[in-house]
Amino acid sequence: MEINTLRVLITLISFIVFVGIMVWVWRRRDAIDFKEAAKLPFEEK
């Protein structure tokens, strides 16, 4: 396997992982949980 082929494969895998994370973050089902988590640093206890 050539080094350029390996570089292309790693780039494609990284892009697929990135897109997967973005889809996971932007799903509506999890949006409420993320909004609540975003407010945690500002809560006073």
N, C-alpha and C. Protein backbone atom coordinates (compact mmCIF):
# COMPACT_ATOMS: atom_id res chain seq x y z
N MET A 1 0.85 -1.18 0.00
CA MET A 1 0.00 0.00 0.00
C MET A 1 0.89 1.24 0.00
N GLU A 2 0.60 2.13 -0.89
CA GLU A 2 1.38 3.36 -0.99
C GLU A 2 1.01 4.31 0.14
N ILE A 3 1.92 5.19 0.46
CA ILE A 3 1.69 6.16 1.53
C ILE A 3 0.54 7.11 1.17
N ASN A 4 0.41 7.48 -0.10
CA ASN A 4 -0.68 8.38 -0.49
C ASN A 4 -2.04 7.71 -0.33
N THR A 5 -2.12 6.43 -0.62
CA THR A 5 -3.37 5.69 -0.43
C THR A 5 -3.73 5.66 1.05
N LEU A 6 -2.76 5.45 1.89
CA LEU A 6 -2.98 5.44 3.33
C LEU A 6 -3.44 6.82 3.81
N ARG A 7 -2.85 7.85 3.30
CA ARG A 7 -3.24 9.22 3.68
C ARG A 7 -4.69 9.51 3.26
N VAL A 8 -5.07 9.07 2.07
CA VAL A 8 -6.44 9.27 1.60
C VAL A 8 -7.41 8.52 2.50
N LEU A 9 -7.09 7.28 2.84
CA LEU A 9 -7.97 6.48 3.70
C LEU A 9 -8.13 7.12 5.08
N ILE A 10 -7.05 7.60 5.64
CA ILE A 10 -7.12 8.24 6.96
C ILE A 10 -7.95 9.52 6.88
N THR A 11 -7.78 10.28 5.80
CA THR A 11 -8.57 11.50 5.62
C THR A 11 -10.05 11.18 5.50
N LEU A 12 -10.40 10.18 4.73
CA LEU A 12 -11.81 9.79 4.57
C LEU A 12 -12.41 9.29 5.88
N ILE A 13 -11.67 8.48 6.60
CA ILE A 13 -12.16 7.98 7.89
C ILE A 13 -12.36 9.14 8.86
N SER A 14 -11.43 10.07 8.90
CA SER A 14 -11.56 11.22 9.79
C SER A 14 -12.78 12.06 9.42
N PHE A 15 -13.02 12.24 8.14
CA PHE A 15 -14.17 13.03 7.70
C PHE A 15 -15.48 12.32 8.08
N ILE A 16 -15.53 11.02 7.91
CA ILE A 16 -16.73 10.27 8.27
C ILE A 16 -16.99 10.35 9.77
N VAL A 17 -15.95 10.25 10.57
CA VAL A 17 -16.10 10.39 12.03
C VAL A 17 -16.58 11.79 12.38
N PHE A 18 -16.03 12.80 11.75
CA PHE A 18 -16.45 14.18 11.98
C PHE A 18 -17.93 14.37 11.66
N VAL A 19 -18.36 13.90 10.51
CA VAL A 19 -19.77 14.02 10.12
C VAL A 19 -20.66 13.25 11.10
N GLY A 20 -20.21 12.09 11.54
CA GLY A 20 -20.97 11.31 12.50
C GLY A 20 -21.15 12.05 13.82
N ILE A 21 -20.11 12.70 14.28
CA ILE A 21 -20.21 13.49 15.52
C ILE A 21 -21.15 14.66 15.34
N MET A 22 -21.08 15.33 14.20
CA MET A 22 -21.97 16.46 13.95
C MET A 22 -23.43 16.02 13.91
N VAL A 23 -23.71 14.90 13.29
CA VAL A 23 -25.09 14.39 13.25
C VAL A 23 -25.56 14.04 14.66
N TRP A 24 -24.69 13.43 15.45
CA TRP A 24 -25.04 13.06 16.81
C TRP A 24 -25.35 14.30 17.66
N VAL A 25 -24.58 15.35 17.48
CA VAL A 25 -24.77 16.57 18.27
C VAL A 25 -26.05 17.30 17.85
N TRP A 26 -26.38 17.32 16.60
CA TRP A 26 -27.48 18.12 16.09
C TRP A 26 -28.82 17.39 16.06
N ARG A 27 -28.86 16.14 16.52
CA ARG A 27 -30.14 15.44 16.57
C ARG A 27 -31.07 16.13 17.54
N ARG A 28 -32.33 16.21 17.21
CA ARG A 28 -33.32 16.88 18.07
C ARG A 28 -33.47 16.17 19.40
N ARG A 29 -33.40 14.87 19.39
CA ARG A 29 -33.61 14.09 20.60
C ARG A 29 -32.62 14.48 21.71
N ASP A 30 -31.40 14.80 21.32
CA ASP A 30 -30.38 15.14 22.30
C ASP A 30 -30.26 16.64 22.55
N ALA A 31 -30.98 17.44 21.81
CA ALA A 31 -30.85 18.89 21.91
C ALA A 31 -31.20 19.39 23.31
N ILE A 32 -32.21 18.82 23.92
CA ILE A 32 -32.62 19.25 25.26
C ILE A 32 -31.50 18.97 26.26
N ASP A 33 -30.90 17.79 26.16
CA ASP A 33 -29.81 17.45 27.08
C ASP A 33 -28.63 18.40 26.92
N PHE A 34 -28.30 18.75 25.69
CA PHE A 34 -27.16 19.64 25.47
C PHE A 34 -27.47 21.06 25.94
N LYS A 35 -28.72 21.51 25.79
CA LYS A 35 -29.08 22.85 26.27
C LYS A 35 -28.99 22.90 27.80
N GLU A 36 -29.42 21.84 28.46
CA GLU A 36 -29.31 21.80 29.92
C GLU A 36 -27.85 21.76 30.35
N ALA A 37 -27.03 21.01 29.66
CA ALA A 37 -25.61 20.92 29.99
C ALA A 37 -24.90 22.26 29.75
N ALA A 38 -25.35 23.01 28.75
CA ALA A 38 -24.73 24.30 28.45
C ALA A 38 -24.99 25.31 29.56
N LYS A 39 -26.06 25.14 30.30
CA LYS A 39 -26.41 26.07 31.38
C LYS A 39 -25.71 25.73 32.69
N LEU A 40 -25.13 24.56 32.82
CA LEU A 40 -24.52 24.13 34.08
C LEU A 40 -23.46 25.10 34.63
N PRO A 41 -22.56 25.64 33.81
CA PRO A 41 -21.53 26.53 34.38
C PRO A 41 -22.09 27.81 35.00
N PHE A 42 -23.31 28.18 34.62
CA PHE A 42 -23.87 29.44 35.09
C PHE A 42 -24.80 29.28 36.30
N GLU A 43 -25.03 28.05 36.71
CA GLU A 43 -25.90 27.82 37.87
C GLU A 43 -25.11 28.08 39.15
N GLU A 44 -25.78 28.73 40.07
CA GLU A 44 -25.17 28.99 41.38
C GLU A 44 -25.76 28.02 42.39
N LYS A 45 -24.89 27.42 43.16
CA LYS A 45 -25.37 26.47 44.17
C LYS A 45 -24.83 26.85 45.52
